[in-house]
Protein backbone atom coordinates (compact mmCIF):
# COMPACT_ATOMS: atom_id res chain seq x y z
CA MET A 1 39.42 33.14 45.07
CA THR A 2 36.79 30.29 45.17
CA THR A 3 35.25 29.37 42.11
CA GLN A 4 31.29 28.58 42.97
CA ASN A 5 29.87 25.67 41.66
CA VAL A 6 26.30 26.52 40.51
CA ASN A 7 23.68 23.07 39.86
CA THR A 8 21.75 24.16 37.45
CA THR A 9 18.38 22.04 36.35
CA ASP A 10 17.87 21.50 32.59
CA SER A 11 14.43 22.01 32.04
CA SER A 12 13.84 19.82 29.27
CA TRP A 13 15.08 16.83 31.44
CA THR A 14 12.56 17.70 34.37
CA VAL A 15 9.61 17.46 31.57
CA PHE A 16 10.96 13.89 30.13
CA ILE A 17 10.84 12.24 32.73
CA GLU A 18 7.68 14.16 34.02
CA ILE A 19 6.52 12.64 31.00
CA LEU A 20 8.17 8.97 30.73
CA SER A 21 7.06 8.67 34.01
CA ASP A 22 3.32 9.60 33.17
CA GLU A 23 3.48 6.69 30.27
CA PHE A 24 5.18 3.88 32.49
CA THR A 25 2.42 4.99 34.94
CA ALA A 26 -0.20 5.22 32.31
CA ARG A 27 0.39 1.91 31.26
CA THR A 28 1.76 -0.50 34.31
CA GLY A 29 0.33 1.62 37.19
CA PHE A 30 4.01 2.51 38.74
CA GLY A 31 5.66 5.41 38.30
CA VAL A 32 9.36 5.40 35.54
CA TYR A 33 12.07 4.88 38.42
CA ALA A 34 10.26 1.64 39.09
CA HIS A 35 11.04 -0.18 35.98
CA ILE A 36 14.55 1.81 35.20
CA THR A 37 17.79 2.83 36.49
CA PRO A 38 18.58 6.65 37.10
CA VAL A 39 21.15 5.51 34.35
CA ASP A 40 18.80 4.11 32.13
CA ALA A 41 16.67 7.31 32.37
CA SER A 42 19.99 9.45 31.63
CA GLN A 43 20.70 7.23 28.79
CA ALA A 44 17.49 7.25 27.56
CA TYR A 45 17.06 11.40 27.33
CA GLN A 46 20.47 10.97 25.42
CA GLN A 47 18.52 8.84 22.80
CA TYR A 48 15.72 10.99 22.79
CA GLN A 49 18.25 14.00 21.88
CA LEU A 50 19.51 12.68 19.12
CA ARG A 51 16.58 11.85 17.73
CA ASN A 52 14.34 14.77 16.13
CA ALA A 53 10.70 13.00 17.35
CA PRO A 54 8.57 14.94 19.78
CA MET A 55 8.93 14.06 23.70
CA ARG A 56 5.87 12.70 24.15
CA LEU A 57 6.22 10.24 20.87
CA PHE A 58 9.89 9.22 22.14
CA ALA A 59 8.50 8.35 25.17
CA ARG A 60 5.47 6.04 24.50
CA GLU A 61 8.18 4.36 21.89
CA TYR A 62 10.10 3.65 24.91
CA VAL A 63 8.00 2.24 27.63
CA ARG A 64 6.10 0.07 24.94
CA ARG A 65 9.48 -1.51 24.58
CA TYR A 66 9.83 -2.10 28.65
CA ALA A 67 6.53 -2.30 29.72
């Protein structure tokens, strides 16, 4: 018997990247991956999950530090 791995996408991750990209685009004219690596984006998402802040507010503060 073989086990099939199911690749599921966390919808909050997708929304997080969209919001982060929107913030970078609004501030600099370029999306998220023009500024940070996918590893950095993953670390930012982990930081977001540890904080009890709205996603948009976290993204705005994060972009402010990078841009």
